[in-house]
Amino acid sequence: MLIQTYHMSFDKTLESILEDYTQPDLCPKLWEDDDLRPKIVEKLCAIADDFAAEYSIDRDMIEDVILTGSLANYNWNEYSDIDIHLIVDFSQTHDDTDLVAEYYKLAKAVWNNDHTIRICGHEVELYVQDSTEKHYSTGVYSLWDEDWIVKPKRGSAATPDEKQVDDKADGYISQINNLEILADEEGTNVSDEVQNLKNKIRTMRQSGLQAGGEYSLENLVFKKLRNEGHLQRLSGLRKKAYDTRMSMEECPTDQ
């Protein structure tokens, strides 16, 4: 009976679940009515410009800079990230678009791992998105035009699909891979970086559970990271960092 009840509870559609979690208004710290506050637009555009300069993305290559995710929708909460996407036509960067995608994925992982930028209490996450890639969000706001591309409706959050889950999970997997390289090849103490990433993943999941419950994109990403062993790898890195910090290679001499 308990098992049957458990399965019946998952028969609700994602849309009906999200309706239970949506807010009555867009986040008032960021939005005034339906307009993103000008000082926030200015700050987010400056961050995007710095990211582009850091990774040699010419401004002419960028078609737009957009705000998307839960803070461009009604399913935001105190843990939500400010998701900023630089829209770039990968084919204009290099003929090998797969190589371009890998480069931008690495750039995203390094930037987001190195920086913890908060605006009004919400952490800023940067991505580079191919202009040919379909975007599933039901809330998309152009920072350049300061206008909606897709204006959200309350309770209209899009259903996550496998590609969305994979794309978001790949960002965290890349960061874990980078930390492994630092720990293995350079012998760097990555304890602080590991803890920061664990905190980010924990916050991401909390955001998803509050915004959309078990079916939220963030919780599905968390489950993918856990089920594929990536969270275990991250925990292992933390232990390795501790062992490195507490080890002594050279024996002390008596003074």
C-alpha atoms as a PDB file:
ATOM      1  CA  MET A   1       0.000   0.000   0.000  1.00  0.00           C
ATOM      2  CA  LEU A   2       2.830   2.408   0.858  1.00  0.00           C
ATOM      3  CA  ILE A   3       4.573   1.653  -2.435  1.00  0.00           C
ATOM      4  CA  GLN A   4       1.330   2.134  -4.348  1.00  0.00           C
ATOM      5  CA  THR A   5       0.695   5.470  -2.600  1.00  0.00           C
ATOM      6  CA  TYR A   6       4.271   6.540  -3.341  1.00  0.00           C
ATOM      7  CA  HIS A   7       3.865   5.890  -7.058  1.00  0.00           C
ATOM      8  CA  MET A   8       0.459   7.546  -7.157  1.00  0.00           C
ATOM      9  CA  SER A   9       1.990  10.718  -5.699  1.00  0.00           C
ATOM     10  CA  PHE A  10       4.235  10.958  -8.740  1.00  0.00           C
ATOM     11  CA  ASP A  11       1.333  10.830 -11.171  1.00  0.00           C
ATOM     12  CA  LYS A  12       0.856  14.598 -10.906  1.00  0.00           C
ATOM     13  CA  THR A  13       2.103  16.458 -13.951  1.00  0.00           C
ATOM     14  CA  LEU A  14       5.060  18.787 -13.613  1.00  0.00           C
ATOM     15  CA  GLU A  15       2.828  21.711 -14.502  1.00  0.00           C
ATOM     16  CA  SER A  16       0.444  21.068 -11.604  1.00  0.00           C
ATOM     17  CA  ILE A  17       3.363  20.669  -9.210  1.00  0.00           C
ATOM     18  CA  LEU A  18       4.979  23.908 -10.363  1.00  0.00           C
ATOM     19  CA  GLU A  19       1.690  25.716  -9.894  1.00  0.00           C
ATOM     20  CA  ASP A  20       1.964  24.908  -6.186  1.00  0.00           C
ATOM     21  CA  TYR A  21       5.444  26.448  -5.995  1.00  0.00           C
ATOM     22  CA  THR A  22       5.125  29.594  -8.113  1.00  0.00           C
ATOM     23  CA  GLN A  23       5.361  33.063  -6.620  1.00  0.00           C
ATOM     24  CA  PRO A  24       2.698  35.741  -7.089  1.00  0.00           C
ATOM     25  CA  ASP A  25       5.265  38.175  -8.532  1.00  0.00           C
ATOM     26  CA  LEU A  26       8.702  38.274 -10.100  1.00  0.00           C
ATOM     27  CA  CYS A  27      11.511  38.703  -7.565  1.00  0.00           C
ATOM     28  CA  PRO A  28      10.996  42.277  -6.300  1.00  0.00           C
ATOM     29  CA  LYS A  29      14.697  42.727  -5.509  1.00  0.00           C
ATOM     30  CA  LEU A  30      15.490  42.432  -9.208  1.00  0.00           C
ATOM     31  CA  TRP A  31      12.291  43.527 -10.909  1.00  0.00           C
ATOM     32  CA  GLU A  32      10.098  46.585 -10.801  1.00  0.00           C
ATOM     33  CA  ASP A  33       6.828  45.456 -12.327  1.00  0.00           C
ATOM     34  CA  ASP A  34       7.993  43.640 -15.483  1.00  0.00           C
ATOM     35  CA  ASP A  35      11.241  45.585 -15.948  1.00  0.00           C
ATOM     36  CA  LEU A  36      14.632  44.529 -14.655  1.00  0.00           C
ATOM     37  CA  ARG A  37      16.043  47.297 -12.486  1.00  0.00           C
ATOM     38  CA  PRO A  38      18.496  49.442 -14.532  1.00  0.00           C
ATOM     39  CA  LYS A  39      21.393  49.194 -12.071  1.00  0.00           C
ATOM     40  CA  ILE A  40      21.081  45.406 -12.129  1.00  0.00           C
ATOM     41  CA  VAL A  41      21.058  45.394 -15.939  1.00  0.00           C
ATOM     42  CA  GLU A  42      24.209  47.533 -15.909  1.00  0.00           C
ATOM     43  CA  LYS A  43      25.986  45.272 -13.437  1.00  0.00           C
ATOM     44  CA  LEU A  44      25.054  42.026 -15.228  1.00  0.00           C
ATOM     45  CA  CYS A  45      26.165  43.414 -18.597  1.00  0.00           C
ATOM     46  CA  ALA A  46      29.506  44.442 -17.059  1.00  0.00           C
ATOM     47  CA  ILE A  47      30.003  40.926 -15.673  1.00  0.00           C
ATOM     48  CA  ALA A  48      29.189  39.427 -19.091  1.00  0.00           C
ATOM     49  CA  ASP A  49      31.672  41.813 -20.739  1.00  0.00           C
ATOM     50  CA  ASP A  50      34.401  40.792 -18.294  1.00  0.00           C
ATOM     51  CA  PHE A  51      33.703  37.105 -18.941  1.00  0.00           C
ATOM     52  CA  ALA A  52      33.868  37.681 -22.706  1.00  0.00           C
ATOM     53  CA  ALA A  53      37.163  39.566 -22.396  1.00  0.00           C
ATOM     54  CA  GLU A  54      38.625  36.847 -20.164  1.00  0.00           C
ATOM     55  CA  TYR A  55      37.957  34.170 -22.789  1.00  0.00           C
ATOM     56  CA  SER A  56      38.548  36.195 -25.962  1.00  0.00           C
ATOM     57  CA  ILE A  57      34.942  36.383 -27.090  1.00  0.00           C
ATOM     58  CA  ASP A  58      34.712  39.455 -29.339  1.00  0.00           C
ATOM     59  CA  ARG A  59      31.661  41.581 -28.732  1.00  0.00           C
ATOM     60  CA  ASP A  60      30.790  41.279 -32.438  1.00  0.00           C
ATOM     61  CA  MET A  61      30.450  37.525 -31.919  1.00  0.00           C
ATOM     62  CA  ILE A  62      27.820  37.964 -29.199  1.00  0.00           C
ATOM     63  CA  GLU A  63      24.262  38.219 -30.497  1.00  0.00           C
ATOM     64  CA  ASP A  64      22.670  38.954 -27.134  1.00  0.00           C
ATOM     65  CA  VAL A  65      23.078  38.556 -23.393  1.00  0.00           C
ATOM     66  CA  ILE A  66      19.992  37.140 -21.718  1.00  0.00           C
ATOM     67  CA  LEU A  67      18.658  36.466 -18.250  1.00  0.00           C
ATOM     68  CA  THR A  68      16.773  33.199 -17.949  1.00  0.00           C
ATOM     69  CA  GLY A  69      15.928  30.550 -15.375  1.00  0.00           C
ATOM     70  CA  SER A  70      13.776  30.882 -12.284  1.00  0.00           C
ATOM     71  CA  LEU A  71      14.673  34.528 -11.616  1.00  0.00           C
ATOM     72  CA  ALA A  72      13.194  35.375 -15.013  1.00  0.00           C
ATOM     73  CA  ASN A  73      10.079  33.510 -13.992  1.00  0.00           C
ATOM     74  CA  TYR A  74       7.673  33.031 -11.117  1.00  0.00           C
ATOM     75  CA  ASN A  75       9.293  29.906  -9.662  1.00  0.00           C
ATOM     76  CA  TRP A  76      12.161  31.787  -7.976  1.00  0.00           C
ATOM     77  CA  ASN A  77      13.205  31.486  -4.348  1.00  0.00           C
ATOM     78  CA  GLU A  78      15.970  32.659  -2.045  1.00  0.00           C
ATOM     79  CA  TYR A  79      18.401  30.038  -3.404  1.00  0.00           C
ATOM     80  CA  SER A  80      17.865  30.774  -7.105  1.00  0.00           C
ATOM     81  CA  ASP A  81      20.862  31.659  -9.293  1.00  0.00           C
ATOM     82  CA  ILE A  82      20.925  34.571 -11.709  1.00  0.00           C
ATOM     83  CA  ASP A  83      21.476  32.631 -14.948  1.00  0.00           C
ATOM     84  CA  ILE A  84      23.155  34.785 -17.597  1.00  0.00           C
ATOM     85  CA  HIS A  85      23.638  33.365 -21.096  1.00  0.00           C
ATOM     86  CA  LEU A  86      25.895  34.884 -23.729  1.00  0.00           C
ATOM     87  CA  ILE A  87      24.328  33.990 -27.069  1.00  0.00           C
ATOM     88  CA  VAL A  88      27.024  33.148 -29.620  1.00  0.00           C
ATOM     89  CA  ASP A  89      26.872  31.507 -33.037  1.00  0.00           C
ATOM     90  CA  PHE A  90      29.405  28.717 -32.523  1.00  0.00           C
ATOM     91  CA  SER A  91      29.817  28.195 -36.269  1.00  0.00           C
ATOM     92  CA  GLN A  92      31.160  31.754 -36.603  1.00  0.00           C
ATOM     93  CA  THR A  93      33.835  30.985 -34.033  1.00  0.00           C
ATOM     94  CA  HIS A  94      35.262  27.852 -35.660  1.00  0.00           C
ATOM     95  CA  ASP A  95      34.156  25.204 -38.141  1.00  0.00           C
ATOM     96  CA  ASP A  96      34.436  22.530 -35.453  1.00  0.00           C
ATOM     97  CA  THR A  97      31.431  23.527 -33.346  1.00  0.00           C
ATOM     98  CA  ASP A  98      31.933  20.557 -31.009  1.00  0.00           C
ATOM     99  CA  LEU A  99      35.385  21.894 -30.159  1.00  0.00           C
ATOM    100  CA  VAL A 100      33.910  25.361 -29.596  1.00  0.00           C
ATOM    101  CA  ALA A 101      31.265  23.918 -27.296  1.00  0.00           C
ATOM    102  CA  GLU A 102      33.919  22.118 -25.234  1.00  0.00           C
ATOM    103  CA  TYR A 103      35.995  25.304 -24.961  1.00  0.00           C
ATOM    104  CA  TYR A 104      33.048  27.366 -23.756  1.00  0.00           C
ATOM    105  CA  LYS A 105      32.010  24.592 -21.380  1.00  0.00           C
ATOM    106  CA  LEU A 106      35.494  24.665 -19.851  1.00  0.00           C
ATOM    107  CA  ALA A 107      35.457  28.475 -19.717  1.00  0.00           C
ATOM    108  CA  LYS A 108      32.097  28.410 -17.955  1.00  0.00           C
ATOM    109  CA  ALA A 109      33.322  25.845 -15.430  1.00  0.00           C
ATOM    110  CA  VAL A 110      36.516  27.755 -14.626  1.00  0.00           C
ATOM    111  CA  TRP A 111      34.751  31.130 -14.317  1.00  0.00           C
ATOM    112  CA  ASN A 112      31.920  29.837 -12.142  1.00  0.00           C
ATOM    113  CA  ASN A 113      34.396  27.942  -9.966  1.00  0.00           C
ATOM    114  CA  ASP A 114      36.681  30.957  -9.541  1.00  0.00           C
ATOM    115  CA  HIS A 115      33.979  33.542  -8.880  1.00  0.00           C
ATOM    116  CA  THR A 116      31.195  33.852  -6.348  1.00  0.00           C
ATOM    117  CA  ILE A 117      29.382  37.015  -7.409  1.00  0.00           C
ATOM    118  CA  ARG A 118      26.132  37.808  -5.641  1.00  0.00           C
ATOM    119  CA  ILE A 119      23.550  40.395  -6.555  1.00  0.00           C
ATOM    120  CA  CYS A 120      20.746  41.008  -4.073  1.00  0.00           C
ATOM    121  CA  GLY A 121      21.713  37.742  -2.387  1.00  0.00           C
ATOM    122  CA  HIS A 122      21.556  35.652  -5.577  1.00  0.00           C
ATOM    123  CA  GLU A 123      24.670  34.082  -7.094  1.00  0.00           C
ATOM    124  CA  VAL A 124      25.473  34.896 -10.716  1.00  0.00           C
ATOM    125  CA  GLU A 125      26.136  31.934 -13.045  1.00  0.00           C
ATOM    126  CA  LEU A 126      27.446  32.494 -16.583  1.00  0.00           C
ATOM    127  CA  TYR A 127      26.949  30.290 -19.644  1.00  0.00           C
ATOM    128  CA  VAL A 128      27.726  30.488 -23.342  1.00  0.00           C
ATOM    129  CA  GLN A 129      24.828  29.280 -25.473  1.00  0.00           C
ATOM    130  CA  ASP A 130      24.891  28.474 -29.178  1.00  0.00           C
ATOM    131  CA  SER A 131      22.440  30.736 -30.984  1.00  0.00           C
ATOM    132  CA  THR A 132      21.149  27.717 -32.903  1.00  0.00           C
ATOM    133  CA  GLU A 133      20.304  25.848 -29.698  1.00  0.00           C
ATOM    134  CA  LYS A 134      16.666  25.667 -28.716  1.00  0.00           C
ATOM    135  CA  HIS A 135      15.913  27.339 -25.395  1.00  0.00           C
ATOM    136  CA  TYR A 136      13.170  25.772 -23.325  1.00  0.00           C
ATOM    137  CA  SER A 137      12.700  28.417 -20.669  1.00  0.00           C
ATOM    138  CA  THR A 138       9.349  30.175 -20.485  1.00  0.00           C
ATOM    139  CA  GLY A 139      11.055  33.320 -19.221  1.00  0.00           C
ATOM    140  CA  VAL A 140      13.829  34.960 -21.275  1.00  0.00           C
ATOM    141  CA  TYR A 141      14.854  38.620 -20.880  1.00  0.00           C
ATOM    142  CA  SER A 142      17.324  40.457 -23.134  1.00  0.00           C
ATOM    143  CA  LEU A 143      19.785  42.511 -21.093  1.00  0.00           C
ATOM    144  CA  TRP A 144      20.898  44.361 -24.213  1.00  0.00           C
ATOM    145  CA  ASP A 145      17.407  45.344 -25.328  1.00  0.00           C
ATOM    146  CA  GLU A 146      16.027  45.505 -21.776  1.00  0.00           C
ATOM    147  CA  ASP A 147      12.911  43.729 -22.956  1.00  0.00           C
ATOM    148  CA  TRP A 148      11.299  40.300 -22.821  1.00  0.00           C
ATOM    149  CA  ILE A 149      12.058  37.743 -25.522  1.00  0.00           C
ATOM    150  CA  VAL A 150       9.729  35.264 -23.844  1.00  0.00           C
ATOM    151  CA  LYS A 151       7.523  36.787 -21.153  1.00  0.00           C
ATOM    152  CA  PRO A 152       6.619  34.325 -18.386  1.00  0.00           C
ATOM    153  CA  LYS A 153       3.172  33.497 -17.122  1.00  0.00           C
ATOM    154  CA  ARG A 154       2.572  32.303 -13.603  1.00  0.00           C
ATOM    155  CA  GLY A 155       2.667  28.502 -13.473  1.00  0.00           C
ATOM    156  CA  SER A 156       4.065  28.184 -17.014  1.00  0.00           C
ATOM    157  CA  ALA A 157       7.556  26.829 -16.286  1.00  0.00           C
ATOM    158  CA  ALA A 158       8.757  24.480 -19.021  1.00  0.00           C
ATOM    159  CA  THR A 159       9.134  20.756 -18.425  1.00  0.00           C
ATOM    160  CA  PRO A 160      12.835  19.817 -18.173  1.00  0.00           C
ATOM    161  CA  ASP A 161      14.006  17.357 -20.797  1.00  0.00           C
ATOM    162  CA  GLU A 162      17.042  15.082 -20.826  1.00  0.00           C
ATOM    163  CA  LYS A 163      19.224  17.552 -22.727  1.00  0.00           C
ATOM    164  CA  GLN A 164      18.538  20.339 -20.246  1.00  0.00           C
ATOM    165  CA  VAL A 165      19.472  18.056 -17.370  1.00  0.00           C
ATOM    166  CA  ASP A 166      22.622  16.878 -19.161  1.00  0.00           C
ATOM    167  CA  ASP A 167      23.706  20.412 -20.082  1.00  0.00           C
ATOM    168  CA  LYS A 168      23.355  21.749 -16.550  1.00  0.00           C
ATOM    169  CA  ALA A 169      24.989  18.669 -15.025  1.00  0.00           C
ATOM    170  CA  ASP A 170      27.902  18.929 -17.472  1.00  0.00           C
ATOM    171  CA  GLY A 171      28.829  22.295 -15.989  1.00  0.00           C
ATOM    172  CA  TYR A 172      29.275  20.782 -12.540  1.00  0.00           C
ATOM    173  CA  ILE A 173      31.021  17.702 -13.927  1.00  0.00           C
ATOM    174  CA  SER A 174      33.527  19.957 -15.713  1.00  0.00           C
ATOM    175  CA  GLN A 175      34.255  21.797 -12.468  1.00  0.00           C
ATOM    176  CA  ILE A 176      34.830  18.486 -10.662  1.00  0.00           C
ATOM    177  CA  ASN A 177      37.139  17.352 -13.472  1.00  0.00           C
ATOM    178  CA  ASN A 178      39.125  20.597 -13.228  1.00  0.00           C
ATOM    179  CA  LEU A 179      39.577  20.164  -9.488  1.00  0.00           C
ATOM    180  CA  GLU A 180      40.781  16.590 -10.021  1.00  0.00           C
ATOM    181  CA  ILE A 181      43.396  17.828 -12.481  1.00  0.00           C
ATOM    182  CA  LEU A 182      44.603  20.453 -10.032  1.00  0.00           C
ATOM    183  CA  ALA A 183      44.788  17.939  -7.204  1.00  0.00           C
ATOM    184  CA  ASP A 184      46.479  15.175  -9.242  1.00  0.00           C
ATOM    185  CA  GLU A 185      48.844  17.014 -11.587  1.00  0.00           C
ATOM    186  CA  GLU A 186      49.754  20.101  -9.610  1.00  0.00           C
ATOM    187  CA  GLY A 187      49.355  18.815  -6.080  1.00  0.00           C
ATOM    188  CA  THR A 188      47.251  21.858  -5.249  1.00  0.00           C
ATOM    189  CA  ASN A 189      45.271  21.949  -2.033  1.00  0.00           C
ATOM    190  CA  VAL A 190      41.742  22.267  -3.415  1.00  0.00           C
ATOM    191  CA  SER A 191      39.915  21.894  -0.119  1.00  0.00           C
ATOM    192  CA  ASP A 192      38.312  25.343  -0.235  1.00  0.00           C
ATOM    193  CA  GLU A 193      37.311  24.972  -3.887  1.00  0.00           C
ATOM    194  CA  VAL A 194      35.776  21.567  -3.210  1.00  0.00           C
ATOM    195  CA  GLN A 195      33.759  22.936  -0.310  1.00  0.00           C
ATOM    196  CA  ASN A 196      32.584  25.893  -2.405  1.00  0.00           C
ATOM    197  CA  LEU A 197      31.420  23.575  -5.179  1.00  0.00           C
ATOM    198  CA  LYS A 198      29.651  21.284  -2.707  1.00  0.00           C
ATOM    199  CA  ASN A 199      27.864  24.342  -1.319  1.00  0.00           C
ATOM    200  CA  LYS A 200      26.835  25.434  -4.817  1.00  0.00           C
ATOM    201  CA  ILE A 201      25.406  22.020  -5.640  1.00  0.00           C
ATOM    202  CA  ARG A 202      23.574  21.876  -2.308  1.00  0.00           C
ATOM    203  CA  THR A 203      22.120  25.359  -2.872  1.00  0.00           C
ATOM    204  CA  MET A 204      21.137  24.436  -6.425  1.00  0.00           C
ATOM    205  CA  ARG A 205      19.173  21.448  -5.170  1.00  0.00           C
ATOM    206  CA  GLN A 206      17.492  23.480  -2.433  1.00  0.00           C
ATOM    207  CA  SER A 207      16.465  26.000  -5.057  1.00  0.00           C
ATOM    208  CA  GLY A 208      14.926  23.292  -7.217  1.00  0.00           C
ATOM    209  CA  LEU A 209      13.076  21.592  -4.407  1.00  0.00           C
ATOM    210  CA  GLN A 210      11.582  24.878  -3.287  1.00  0.00           C
ATOM    211  CA  ALA A 211      10.738  25.992  -6.819  1.00  0.00           C
ATOM    212  CA  GLY A 212       9.419  22.776  -8.349  1.00  0.00           C
ATOM    213  CA  GLY A 213       9.777  19.839  -5.994  1.00  0.00           C
ATOM    214  CA  GLU A 214      11.091  16.438  -7.049  1.00  0.00           C
ATOM    215  CA  TYR A 215      10.534  17.158 -10.747  1.00  0.00           C
ATOM    216  CA  SER A 216      12.528  20.394 -10.859  1.00  0.00           C
ATOM    217  CA  LEU A 217      15.482  20.696 -13.226  1.00  0.00           C
ATOM    218  CA  GLU A 218      17.871  21.313 -10.326  1.00  0.00           C
ATOM    219  CA  ASN A 219      16.809  18.232  -8.391  1.00  0.00           C
ATOM    220  CA  LEU A 220      17.051  16.069 -11.512  1.00  0.00           C
ATOM    221  CA  VAL A 221      20.566  17.421 -12.073  1.00  0.00           C
ATOM    222  CA  PHE A 222      21.466  16.608  -8.463  1.00  0.00           C
ATOM    223  CA  LYS A 223      20.197  13.053  -8.904  1.00  0.00           C
ATOM    224  CA  LYS A 224      22.216  12.636 -12.089  1.00  0.00           C
ATOM    225  CA  LEU A 225      25.384  13.834 -10.334  1.00  0.00           C
ATOM    226  CA  ARG A 226      24.713  11.503  -7.422  1.00  0.00           C
ATOM    227  CA  ASN A 227      23.688   8.447  -9.447  1.00  0.00           C
ATOM    228  CA  GLU A 228      26.673   8.690 -11.803  1.00  0.00           C
ATOM    229  CA  GLY A 229      29.126   8.954  -8.905  1.00  0.00           C
ATOM    230  CA  HIS A 230      30.238  12.549  -9.434  1.00  0.00           C
ATOM    231  CA  LEU A 231      29.264  13.661  -5.925  1.00  0.00           C
ATOM    232  CA  GLN A 232      31.256  10.744  -4.553  1.00  0.00           C
ATOM    233  CA  ARG A 233      34.241  11.879  -6.628  1.00  0.00           C
ATOM    234  CA  LEU A 234      33.875  15.370  -5.194  1.00  0.00           C
ATOM    235  CA  SER A 235      33.758  14.057  -1.636  1.00  0.00           C
ATOM    236  CA  GLY A 236      36.830  11.977  -2.387  1.00  0.00           C
ATOM    237  CA  LEU A 237      38.653  15.100  -3.520  1.00  0.00           C
ATOM    238  CA  ARG A 238      37.841  16.794  -0.236  1.00  0.00           C
ATOM    239  CA  LYS A 239      39.338  13.866   1.683  1.00  0.00           C
ATOM    240  CA  LYS A 240      42.367  13.869  -0.592  1.00  0.00           C
ATOM    241  CA  ALA A 241      42.820  17.598  -0.022  1.00  0.00           C
ATOM    242  CA  TYR A 242      42.750  17.037   3.733  1.00  0.00           C
ATOM    243  CA  ASP A 243      45.303  14.219   3.466  1.00  0.00           C
ATOM    244  CA  THR A 244      47.567  16.430   1.348  1.00  0.00           C
ATOM    245  CA  ARG A 245      47.291  19.308   3.795  1.00  0.00           C
ATOM    246  CA  MET A 246      48.073  17.137   6.831  1.00  0.00           C
ATOM    247  CA  SER A 247      50.899  15.109   5.237  1.00  0.00           C
ATOM    248  CA  MET A 248      54.552  15.988   5.827  1.00  0.00           C
ATOM    249  CA  GLU A 249      56.980  14.881   3.133  1.00  0.00           C
ATOM    250  CA  GLU A 250      60.164  15.959   4.840  1.00  0.00           C
ATOM    251  CA  CYS A 251      61.044  14.911   8.352  1.00  0.00           C
ATOM    252  CA  PRO A 252      61.766  17.869  10.642  1.00  0.00           C
ATOM    253  CA  THR A 253      65.214  18.191  12.070  1.00  0.00           C
ATOM    254  CA  ASP A 254      65.912  19.013  15.690  1.00  0.00           C
ATOM    255  CA  GLN A 255      66.662  22.678  16.259  1.00  0.00           C
END
